[in-house]
Amino acid sequence: MSVEFSGIERRLDELSERLARLTPLRERPRSDFDVDPYLRDIAERNLEVAAQRCIDICHRIIALE
């Protein structure tokens, strides 16, 4: 793989990791998140980082053009 795409690959790997961390939380009912601020924080942070990685990937692709 060329160097220019290695940054994208790294970000995709982290995106996959963050989404994997969220997968077990899908089965949790909404009420669990309402009463447990720590659980909510875990979900929010992983969603935040996943979204940021998507933005980073887009910026990198634009920069390559």
C-alpha atoms as a PDB file:
ATOM      1  CA  MET A   1       0.000   0.000   0.000  1.00  0.00           C
ATOM      2  CA  SER A   2       1.269   3.459  -0.791  1.00  0.00           C
ATOM      3  CA  VAL A   3       2.147   5.920   1.939  1.00  0.00           C
ATOM      4  CA  GLU A   4      -0.606   8.301   0.895  1.00  0.00           C
ATOM      5  CA  PHE A   5      -3.270   5.716   1.731  1.00  0.00           C
ATOM      6  CA  SER A   6      -1.743   4.468   4.978  1.00  0.00           C
ATOM      7  CA  GLY A   7      -3.352   7.315   6.931  1.00  0.00           C
ATOM      8  CA  ILE A   8      -6.745   6.357   5.572  1.00  0.00           C
ATOM      9  CA  GLU A   9      -6.156   2.698   6.408  1.00  0.00           C
ATOM     10  CA  ARG A  10      -5.169   3.589   9.973  1.00  0.00           C
ATOM     11  CA  ARG A  11      -8.288   5.719  10.403  1.00  0.00           C
ATOM     12  CA  LEU A  12     -10.481   2.955   8.985  1.00  0.00           C
ATOM     13  CA  ASP A  13      -8.972   0.524  11.482  1.00  0.00           C
ATOM     14  CA  GLU A  14      -9.776   2.856  14.358  1.00  0.00           C
ATOM     15  CA  LEU A  15     -13.290   3.417  13.013  1.00  0.00           C
ATOM     16  CA  SER A  16     -13.834  -0.360  12.957  1.00  0.00           C
ATOM     17  CA  GLU A  17     -12.511  -0.645  16.492  1.00  0.00           C
ATOM     18  CA  ARG A  18     -14.845   2.069  17.794  1.00  0.00           C
ATOM     19  CA  LEU A  19     -17.844   0.513  16.065  1.00  0.00           C
ATOM     20  CA  ALA A  20     -16.937  -2.879  17.537  1.00  0.00           C
ATOM     21  CA  ARG A  21     -16.941  -1.318  20.997  1.00  0.00           C
ATOM     22  CA  LEU A  22     -20.448  -0.016  20.373  1.00  0.00           C
ATOM     23  CA  THR A  23     -21.846  -3.335  19.120  1.00  0.00           C
ATOM     24  CA  PRO A  24     -22.534  -4.862  22.571  1.00  0.00           C
ATOM     25  CA  LEU A  25     -24.351  -1.697  23.588  1.00  0.00           C
ATOM     26  CA  ARG A  26     -26.962  -2.174  20.857  1.00  0.00           C
ATOM     27  CA  GLU A  27     -28.773  -4.745  22.967  1.00  0.00           C
ATOM     28  CA  ARG A  28     -29.049  -2.439  25.973  1.00  0.00           C
ATOM     29  CA  PRO A  29     -32.437  -0.814  26.539  1.00  0.00           C
ATOM     30  CA  ARG A  30     -32.710   2.968  26.501  1.00  0.00           C
ATOM     31  CA  SER A  31     -33.461   2.950  30.226  1.00  0.00           C
ATOM     32  CA  ASP A  32     -29.930   1.630  30.946  1.00  0.00           C
ATOM     33  CA  PHE A  33     -28.475   4.725  29.314  1.00  0.00           C
ATOM     34  CA  ASP A  34     -30.932   7.004  31.105  1.00  0.00           C
ATOM     35  CA  VAL A  35     -29.920   5.800  34.564  1.00  0.00           C
ATOM     36  CA  ASP A  36     -26.200   5.135  34.025  1.00  0.00           C
ATOM     37  CA  PRO A  37     -24.199   8.225  33.065  1.00  0.00           C
ATOM     38  CA  TYR A  38     -21.011   6.156  32.706  1.00  0.00           C
ATOM     39  CA  LEU A  39     -22.608   3.857  30.142  1.00  0.00           C
ATOM     40  CA  ARG A  40     -23.947   6.887  28.297  1.00  0.00           C
ATOM     41  CA  ASP A  41     -20.477   8.492  28.344  1.00  0.00           C
ATOM     42  CA  ILE A  42     -18.909   5.328  26.891  1.00  0.00           C
ATOM     43  CA  ALA A  43     -21.411   5.275  24.033  1.00  0.00           C
ATOM     44  CA  GLU A  44     -21.141   9.008  23.389  1.00  0.00           C
ATOM     45  CA  ARG A  45     -17.344   9.009  23.316  1.00  0.00           C
ATOM     46  CA  ASN A  46     -17.107   6.050  20.954  1.00  0.00           C
ATOM     47  CA  LEU A  47     -19.707   7.610  18.643  1.00  0.00           C
ATOM     48  CA  GLU A  48     -17.834  10.915  18.767  1.00  0.00           C
ATOM     49  CA  VAL A  49     -14.505   9.315  17.843  1.00  0.00           C
ATOM     50  CA  ALA A  50     -16.130   7.208  15.100  1.00  0.00           C
ATOM     51  CA  ALA A  51     -17.725  10.303  13.570  1.00  0.00           C
ATOM     52  CA  GLN A  52     -14.435  12.196  13.776  1.00  0.00           C
ATOM     53  CA  ARG A  53     -12.615   9.364  11.999  1.00  0.00           C
ATOM     54  CA  CYS A  54     -15.178   9.572   9.175  1.00  0.00           C
ATOM     55  CA  ILE A  55     -14.512  13.304   8.897  1.00  0.00           C
ATOM     56  CA  ASP A  56     -10.748  12.693   8.980  1.00  0.00           C
ATOM     57  CA  ILE A  57     -11.035  10.128   6.178  1.00  0.00           C
ATOM     58  CA  CYS A  58     -13.052  12.561   4.060  1.00  0.00           C
ATOM     59  CA  HIS A  59     -10.483  15.312   4.611  1.00  0.00           C
ATOM     60  CA  ARG A  60      -7.671  12.961   3.642  1.00  0.00           C
ATOM     61  CA  ILE A  61      -9.435  11.868   0.454  1.00  0.00           C
ATOM     62  CA  ILE A  62     -10.068  15.489  -0.509  1.00  0.00           C
ATOM     63  CA  ALA A  63      -6.414  16.313   0.149  1.00  0.00           C
ATOM     64  CA  LEU A  64      -5.312  13.512  -2.179  1.00  0.00           C
ATOM     65  CA  GLU A  65      -7.274  14.890  -5.124  1.00  0.00           C
END
